């Protein structure tokens, strides 16, 4: 049995529409290490579909970089935690070795 043309068109649209809206996943450095240099060596990865920010969390003897959400960045900025500093940025690999310090 052959599928009707309308069914094929509908299936094609279901596949293509999400690609049009999410064709470019944000890329962030993702790592946990004891120093910025060690962390940067671990490279970057494509973020999950809805992640819209990259973060760098720096604490005593620890650096953690990951994909995150702007809403989480805003919340983290408003609540100060002891000893840890969180920076967020919004471009591909912006939390990598040559990131700009725009907040």
N, C-alpha and C. Protein backbone atom coordinates (compact mmCIF):
# COMPACT_ATOMS: atom_id res chain seq x y z
N UNK A 1 0.82 -1.21 0.00
CA UNK A 1 0.00 0.00 0.00
C UNK A 1 0.85 1.25 0.00
N UNK A 2 0.48 2.19 -0.81
CA UNK A 2 1.22 3.45 -0.87
C UNK A 2 0.57 4.47 0.03
N UNK A 3 1.40 5.29 0.65
CA UNK A 3 0.86 6.35 1.50
C UNK A 3 0.33 7.47 0.62
N UNK A 4 -0.79 8.06 1.01
CA UNK A 4 -1.30 9.21 0.26
C UNK A 4 -0.30 10.36 0.30
N UNK A 5 -0.31 11.16 -0.74
CA UNK A 5 0.63 12.29 -0.84
C UNK A 5 0.47 13.25 0.33
N UNK A 6 -0.76 13.47 0.77
CA UNK A 6 -0.99 14.39 1.89
C UNK A 6 -0.29 13.89 3.15
N UNK A 7 -0.29 12.58 3.37
CA UNK A 7 0.36 12.00 4.53
C UNK A 7 1.87 12.22 4.46
N UNK A 8 2.44 12.02 3.27
CA UNK A 8 3.88 12.24 3.11
C UNK A 8 4.24 13.70 3.35
N UNK A 9 3.41 14.61 2.85
CA UNK A 9 3.66 16.03 3.05
C UNK A 9 3.59 16.39 4.53
N UNK A 10 2.58 15.86 5.22
CA UNK A 10 2.44 16.14 6.65
C UNK A 10 3.65 15.62 7.43
N UNK A 11 4.10 14.43 7.10
CA UNK A 11 5.27 13.87 7.78
C UNK A 11 6.51 14.71 7.51
N UNK A 12 6.67 15.16 6.28
CA UNK A 12 7.83 15.99 5.95
C UNK A 12 7.80 17.30 6.74
N UNK A 13 6.63 17.90 6.88
CA UNK A 13 6.51 19.13 7.65
C UNK A 13 6.82 18.90 9.12
N UNK A 14 6.37 17.78 9.68
CA UNK A 14 6.65 17.48 11.08
C UNK A 14 8.14 17.35 11.33
N UNK A 15 8.85 16.86 10.35
CA UNK A 15 10.30 16.72 10.48
C UNK A 15 11.01 18.05 10.27
N UNK A 16 10.57 18.82 9.27
CA UNK A 16 11.29 20.03 8.89
C UNK A 16 11.00 21.24 9.78
N UNK A 17 9.78 21.36 10.28
CA UNK A 17 9.44 22.55 11.07
C UNK A 17 10.32 22.67 12.32
N UNK A 18 10.48 21.60 13.12
CA UNK A 18 11.37 21.77 14.28
C UNK A 18 12.80 22.12 13.88
N UNK A 19 13.27 21.63 12.76
CA UNK A 19 14.62 21.96 12.31
C UNK A 19 14.75 23.43 11.99
N UNK A 20 13.70 24.02 11.45
CA UNK A 20 13.73 25.43 11.10
C UNK A 20 13.87 26.29 12.36
N UNK A 21 13.21 25.88 13.43
CA UNK A 21 13.25 26.68 14.66
C UNK A 21 14.46 26.35 15.53
N UNK A 22 14.98 25.15 15.42
CA UNK A 22 16.06 24.73 16.30
C UNK A 22 17.24 24.18 15.51
N UNK A 23 17.50 24.77 14.36
CA UNK A 23 18.55 24.23 13.51
C UNK A 23 19.93 24.51 14.09
N UNK A 24 20.03 25.49 14.97
CA UNK A 24 21.33 25.84 15.52
C UNK A 24 21.30 25.71 17.03
N UNK A 25 21.82 24.62 17.54
CA UNK A 25 21.92 24.45 18.98
C UNK A 25 23.10 25.27 19.48
N UNK A 26 22.93 25.87 20.63
CA UNK A 26 24.02 26.60 21.25
C UNK A 26 25.14 25.63 21.61
N UNK A 27 26.38 26.06 21.46
CA UNK A 27 27.51 25.24 21.87
C UNK A 27 28.18 25.89 23.07
N UNK A 28 28.46 25.10 24.08
CA UNK A 28 29.14 25.60 25.28
C UNK A 28 30.27 24.66 25.66
N UNK A 29 31.28 25.23 26.30
CA UNK A 29 32.29 24.38 26.92
C UNK A 29 31.63 23.69 28.10
N UNK A 30 31.88 22.41 28.26
CA UNK A 30 31.32 21.66 29.39
C UNK A 30 32.45 20.89 30.05
N UNK A 31 32.64 21.15 31.34
CA UNK A 31 33.74 20.50 32.04
C UNK A 31 33.62 20.74 33.54
N UNK A 32 34.34 19.93 34.27
CA UNK A 32 34.55 20.15 35.70
C UNK A 32 36.03 19.87 35.93
N UNK A 33 36.73 20.82 36.51
CA UNK A 33 38.17 20.65 36.73
C UNK A 33 38.61 21.54 37.89
N UNK A 34 39.88 21.41 38.24
CA UNK A 34 40.40 22.20 39.35
C UNK A 34 40.93 23.55 38.90
N UNK A 35 41.08 23.75 37.59
CA UNK A 35 41.55 25.04 37.09
C UNK A 35 40.90 25.36 35.76
N UNK A 36 40.90 26.63 35.41
CA UNK A 36 40.33 27.09 34.14
C UNK A 36 41.02 26.41 32.94
N UNK A 37 42.35 26.32 32.99
CA UNK A 37 43.08 25.71 31.87
C UNK A 37 42.71 24.24 31.68
N UNK A 38 42.64 23.48 32.77
CA UNK A 38 42.26 22.07 32.68
C UNK A 38 40.84 21.94 32.14
N UNK A 39 39.97 22.81 32.58
CA UNK A 39 38.57 22.78 32.14
C UNK A 39 38.49 23.04 30.63
N UNK A 40 39.21 24.04 30.16
CA UNK A 40 39.14 24.40 28.74
C UNK A 40 39.63 23.29 27.82
N UNK A 41 40.51 22.45 28.32
CA UNK A 41 41.03 21.34 27.50
C UNK A 41 39.96 20.29 27.20
N UNK A 42 38.89 20.28 27.97
CA UNK A 42 37.87 19.24 27.81
C UNK A 42 36.91 19.52 26.66
N UNK A 43 36.98 20.72 26.07
CA UNK A 43 36.24 21.00 24.84
C UNK A 43 34.80 21.42 25.04
N UNK A 44 34.10 21.54 23.90
CA UNK A 44 32.73 22.03 23.94
C UNK A 44 31.78 20.98 23.37
N UNK A 45 30.50 21.21 23.60
CA UNK A 45 29.47 20.29 23.13
C UNK A 45 28.24 21.07 22.72
N UNK A 46 27.39 20.46 21.92
CA UNK A 46 26.12 21.08 21.56
C UNK A 46 25.16 20.95 22.74
N UNK A 47 24.49 22.02 23.04
CA UNK A 47 23.59 22.03 24.20
C UNK A 47 22.25 21.38 23.86
N UNK A 48 21.50 21.01 24.89
CA UNK A 48 20.13 20.54 24.66
C UNK A 48 19.31 21.64 23.98
N UNK A 49 18.25 21.25 23.37
CA UNK A 49 17.45 22.12 22.51
C UNK A 49 17.06 23.45 23.15
N UNK A 50 16.66 23.44 24.42
CA UNK A 50 16.12 24.67 25.02
C UNK A 50 17.13 25.45 25.83
N UNK A 51 18.36 24.98 25.93
CA UNK A 51 19.39 25.74 26.65
C UNK A 51 19.70 27.00 25.85
N UNK A 52 19.74 28.14 26.53
CA UNK A 52 19.96 29.40 25.82
C UNK A 52 21.12 30.21 26.40
N UNK A 53 21.95 29.57 27.22
CA UNK A 53 23.09 30.26 27.82
C UNK A 53 24.19 29.25 28.14
N UNK A 54 25.40 29.77 28.28
CA UNK A 54 26.53 28.98 28.76
C UNK A 54 26.93 29.55 30.12
N UNK A 55 27.34 28.69 31.03
CA UNK A 55 27.73 29.19 32.35
C UNK A 55 29.14 28.74 32.71
N UNK A 56 29.76 29.55 33.54
CA UNK A 56 31.02 29.20 34.18
C UNK A 56 30.83 29.45 35.67
N UNK A 57 30.98 28.41 36.46
CA UNK A 57 30.87 28.54 37.91
C UNK A 57 32.26 28.30 38.48
N UNK A 58 32.75 29.30 39.21
CA UNK A 58 34.08 29.22 39.78
C UNK A 58 33.97 29.21 41.29
N UNK A 59 34.57 28.21 41.91
CA UNK A 59 34.59 28.11 43.36
C UNK A 59 36.00 27.83 43.83
N UNK A 60 36.15 27.59 45.12
CA UNK A 60 37.49 27.27 45.63
C UNK A 60 38.03 26.00 44.97
N UNK A 61 39.10 26.11 44.20
CA UNK A 61 39.76 24.97 43.55
C UNK A 61 38.87 24.20 42.57
N UNK A 62 37.82 24.82 42.06
CA UNK A 62 36.92 24.13 41.13
C UNK A 62 36.42 25.10 40.07
N UNK A 63 36.40 24.63 38.83
CA UNK A 63 35.77 25.37 37.73
C UNK A 63 34.81 24.42 37.05
N UNK A 64 33.57 24.86 36.86
CA UNK A 64 32.57 24.03 36.19
C UNK A 64 31.94 24.86 35.09
N UNK A 65 31.90 24.31 33.88
CA UNK A 65 31.29 24.99 32.73
C UNK A 65 30.21 24.10 32.16
N UNK A 66 29.11 24.72 31.73
CA UNK A 66 28.02 23.90 31.19
C UNK A 66 27.03 24.74 30.40
N UNK A 67 26.10 24.04 29.77
CA UNK A 67 24.93 24.67 29.16
C UNK A 67 23.96 25.00 30.28
N UNK A 68 23.22 26.08 30.12
CA UNK A 68 22.24 26.43 31.15
C UNK A 68 21.13 27.26 30.52
N UNK A 69 20.35 27.90 31.36
CA UNK A 69 19.20 28.70 30.93
C UNK A 69 19.34 30.11 31.47
N UNK A 70 18.95 31.09 30.68
CA UNK A 70 19.03 32.48 31.12
C UNK A 70 18.27 32.69 32.42
N UNK A 71 17.12 32.04 32.56
CA UNK A 71 16.33 32.19 33.79
C UNK A 71 17.12 31.73 35.01
N UNK A 72 17.88 30.65 34.85
CA UNK A 72 18.71 30.16 35.95
C UNK A 72 19.83 31.15 36.26
N UNK A 73 20.41 31.74 35.22
CA UNK A 73 21.46 32.75 35.41
C UNK A 73 20.93 33.93 36.21
N UNK A 74 19.73 34.39 35.84
CA UNK A 74 19.13 35.53 36.54
C UNK A 74 18.89 35.19 38.01
N UNK A 75 18.41 33.98 38.27
CA UNK A 75 18.14 33.56 39.64
C UNK A 75 19.43 33.44 40.43
N UNK A 76 20.45 32.87 39.82
CA UNK A 76 21.74 32.70 40.50
C UNK A 76 22.38 34.05 40.80
N UNK A 77 22.20 35.01 39.90
CA UNK A 77 22.77 36.33 40.10
C UNK A 77 22.11 37.04 41.29
N UNK A 78 20.80 36.81 41.47
CA UNK A 78 20.08 37.50 42.54
C UNK A 78 20.34 36.87 43.91
N UNK A 79 20.74 35.61 43.96
CA UNK A 79 21.04 34.98 45.25
C UNK A 79 22.54 34.73 45.32
N UNK A 80 23.20 35.40 46.24
CA UNK A 80 24.65 35.24 46.33
C UNK A 80 24.98 33.99 47.14
N UNK A 81 25.85 33.16 46.58
CA UNK A 81 26.25 31.95 47.29
C UNK A 81 27.65 32.15 47.84
N UNK A 82 27.96 31.42 48.88
CA UNK A 82 29.25 31.62 49.54
C UNK A 82 30.38 30.99 48.73
N UNK A 83 31.31 31.83 48.31
CA UNK A 83 32.52 31.33 47.69
C UNK A 83 32.44 30.97 46.22
N UNK A 84 31.26 30.87 45.64
CA UNK A 84 31.14 30.50 44.23
C UNK A 84 30.66 31.69 43.42
N UNK A 85 31.21 31.82 42.22
CA UNK A 85 30.82 32.91 41.33
C UNK A 85 30.31 32.31 40.03
N UNK A 86 29.15 32.76 39.57
CA UNK A 86 28.58 32.24 38.33
C UNK A 86 28.55 33.34 37.28
N UNK A 87 29.09 33.04 36.11
CA UNK A 87 29.02 33.95 34.97
C UNK A 87 28.25 33.26 33.86
N UNK A 88 27.42 34.03 33.17
CA UNK A 88 26.67 33.49 32.04
C UNK A 88 26.97 34.30 30.79
N UNK A 89 26.88 33.64 29.65
CA UNK A 89 27.04 34.31 28.37
C UNK A 89 26.15 33.60 27.36
N UNK A 90 25.98 34.18 26.18
CA UNK A 90 24.89 33.74 25.32
C UNK A 90 25.29 33.46 23.87
N UNK A 91 26.54 33.17 23.60
CA UNK A 91 26.96 32.85 22.25
C UNK A 91 27.72 31.53 22.21
N UNK A 92 27.92 30.99 21.02
CA UNK A 92 28.63 29.72 20.88
C UNK A 92 30.01 29.77 21.55
N UNK A 93 30.27 28.80 22.39
CA UNK A 93 31.55 28.65 23.08
C UNK A 93 32.00 29.92 23.80
N UNK A 94 31.04 30.73 24.22
CA UNK A 94 31.40 32.00 24.87
C UNK A 94 32.03 31.77 26.24
N UNK A 95 31.86 30.58 26.82
CA UNK A 95 32.50 30.30 28.11
C UNK A 95 33.82 29.53 27.92
N UNK A 96 34.35 29.59 26.71
CA UNK A 96 35.62 28.93 26.41
C UNK A 96 36.81 29.80 26.77
N UNK A 97 37.99 29.43 26.30
CA UNK A 97 39.22 30.11 26.69
C UNK A 97 39.27 31.59 26.34
N UNK A 98 38.67 32.00 25.22
CA UNK A 98 38.79 33.40 24.80
C UNK A 98 37.45 34.10 24.90
N UNK A 99 36.74 33.87 25.99
CA UNK A 99 35.41 34.46 26.11
C UNK A 99 35.51 35.94 26.40
N UNK A 100 34.49 36.66 25.97
CA UNK A 100 34.41 38.08 26.32
C UNK A 100 33.70 38.16 27.66
N UNK A 101 34.03 39.15 28.43
CA UNK A 101 33.45 39.25 29.77
C UNK A 101 32.22 40.14 29.77
N UNK A 102 31.32 39.93 28.83
CA UNK A 102 30.08 40.72 28.80
C UNK A 102 29.02 40.00 29.62
N UNK A 103 28.32 40.75 30.45
CA UNK A 103 27.31 40.13 31.32
C UNK A 103 25.95 40.68 30.98
